[in-house]
Amino acid sequence: MLSLFLVLLLVAVALGIIGAAADGLGYLLAIGIVLFVADVTFFALRGFRRARRRPVR
């Protein structure tokens, strides 16, 4: 699952760089930002849920 997170993070950064560098492709920058936020949010919620399900010793 960590590899999926890293691949999506890499794609978001690549889209952001292409969108910022190329003239007229600002929508790629927006897609990259949205993908980055969704990826980090999903990973954070997944880690939070996993931490709550551990049995108390």
C-alpha atoms as a PDB file:
ATOM      1  CA  MET A   1       0.000   0.000   0.000  1.00  0.00           C
ATOM      2  CA  LEU A   2       2.935   2.292   0.627  1.00  0.00           C
ATOM      3  CA  SER A   3       4.113   1.808  -2.949  1.00  0.00           C
ATOM      4  CA  LEU A   4       0.705   2.983  -4.238  1.00  0.00           C
ATOM      5  CA  PHE A   5       0.995   6.080  -2.056  1.00  0.00           C
ATOM      6  CA  LEU A   6       4.457   6.853  -3.409  1.00  0.00           C
ATOM      7  CA  VAL A   7       3.433   6.308  -7.041  1.00  0.00           C
ATOM      8  CA  LEU A   8       0.426   8.613  -6.671  1.00  0.00           C
ATOM      9  CA  LEU A   9       2.616  11.170  -4.940  1.00  0.00           C
ATOM     10  CA  LEU A  10       5.107  11.023  -7.803  1.00  0.00           C
ATOM     11  CA  VAL A  11       2.322  11.430 -10.375  1.00  0.00           C
ATOM     12  CA  ALA A  12       0.910  14.429  -8.480  1.00  0.00           C
ATOM     13  CA  VAL A  13       4.307  16.122  -8.372  1.00  0.00           C
ATOM     14  CA  ALA A  14       4.946  15.422 -12.070  1.00  0.00           C
ATOM     15  CA  LEU A  15       1.547  16.841 -13.065  1.00  0.00           C
ATOM     16  CA  GLY A  16       2.183  19.877 -10.885  1.00  0.00           C
ATOM     17  CA  ILE A  17       5.566  20.558 -12.457  1.00  0.00           C
ATOM     18  CA  ILE A  18       4.256  20.103 -15.996  1.00  0.00           C
ATOM     19  CA  GLY A  19       1.232  22.275 -15.249  1.00  0.00           C
ATOM     20  CA  ALA A  20       3.351  25.057 -13.759  1.00  0.00           C
ATOM     21  CA  ALA A  21       6.015  24.978 -16.478  1.00  0.00           C
ATOM     22  CA  ALA A  22       3.885  24.650 -19.612  1.00  0.00           C
ATOM     23  CA  ASP A  23       1.941  27.648 -20.790  1.00  0.00           C
ATOM     24  CA  GLY A  24      -1.810  27.025 -20.888  1.00  0.00           C
ATOM     25  CA  LEU A  25      -1.772  23.768 -18.900  1.00  0.00           C
ATOM     26  CA  GLY A  26      -2.788  25.182 -15.549  1.00  0.00           C
ATOM     27  CA  TYR A  27      -5.444  22.530 -15.267  1.00  0.00           C
ATOM     28  CA  LEU A  28      -2.678  19.922 -14.854  1.00  0.00           C
ATOM     29  CA  LEU A  29      -1.375  21.901 -11.892  1.00  0.00           C
ATOM     30  CA  ALA A  30      -4.876  21.886 -10.379  1.00  0.00           C
ATOM     31  CA  ILE A  31      -5.236  18.135 -10.972  1.00  0.00           C
ATOM     32  CA  GLY A  32      -1.829  17.548  -9.392  1.00  0.00           C
ATOM     33  CA  ILE A  33      -2.767  19.554  -6.299  1.00  0.00           C
ATOM     34  CA  VAL A  34      -6.107  17.754  -5.920  1.00  0.00           C
ATOM     35  CA  LEU A  35      -4.437  14.367  -6.364  1.00  0.00           C
ATOM     36  CA  PHE A  36      -1.777  15.260  -3.780  1.00  0.00           C
ATOM     37  CA  VAL A  37      -4.357  16.374  -1.203  1.00  0.00           C
ATOM     38  CA  ALA A  38      -6.510  13.277  -1.790  1.00  0.00           C
ATOM     39  CA  ASP A  39      -3.483  10.985  -1.527  1.00  0.00           C
ATOM     40  CA  VAL A  40      -2.231  12.495   1.730  1.00  0.00           C
ATOM     41  CA  THR A  41      -5.745  12.532   3.211  1.00  0.00           C
ATOM     42  CA  PHE A  42      -6.359   8.891   2.294  1.00  0.00           C
ATOM     43  CA  PHE A  43      -3.013   7.814   3.742  1.00  0.00           C
ATOM     44  CA  ALA A  44      -3.598   9.789   6.958  1.00  0.00           C
ATOM     45  CA  LEU A  45      -7.103   8.362   7.460  1.00  0.00           C
ATOM     46  CA  ARG A  46      -5.864   4.846   6.765  1.00  0.00           C
ATOM     47  CA  GLY A  47      -3.128   5.203   9.386  1.00  0.00           C
ATOM     48  CA  PHE A  48      -5.562   6.705  11.898  1.00  0.00           C
ATOM     49  CA  ARG A  49      -8.060   3.860  11.476  1.00  0.00           C
ATOM     50  CA  ARG A  50      -5.361   1.227  11.763  1.00  0.00           C
ATOM     51  CA  ALA A  51      -4.062   2.782  14.999  1.00  0.00           C
ATOM     52  CA  ARG A  52      -7.522   2.700  16.612  1.00  0.00           C
ATOM     53  CA  ARG A  53      -8.145  -1.019  15.928  1.00  0.00           C
ATOM     54  CA  ARG A  54      -5.166  -2.315  17.902  1.00  0.00           C
ATOM     55  CA  PRO A  55      -6.148  -4.226  21.030  1.00  0.00           C
ATOM     56  CA  VAL A  56      -5.275  -2.690  24.365  1.00  0.00           C
ATOM     57  CA  ARG A  57      -2.773  -4.714  26.378  1.00  0.00           C
END
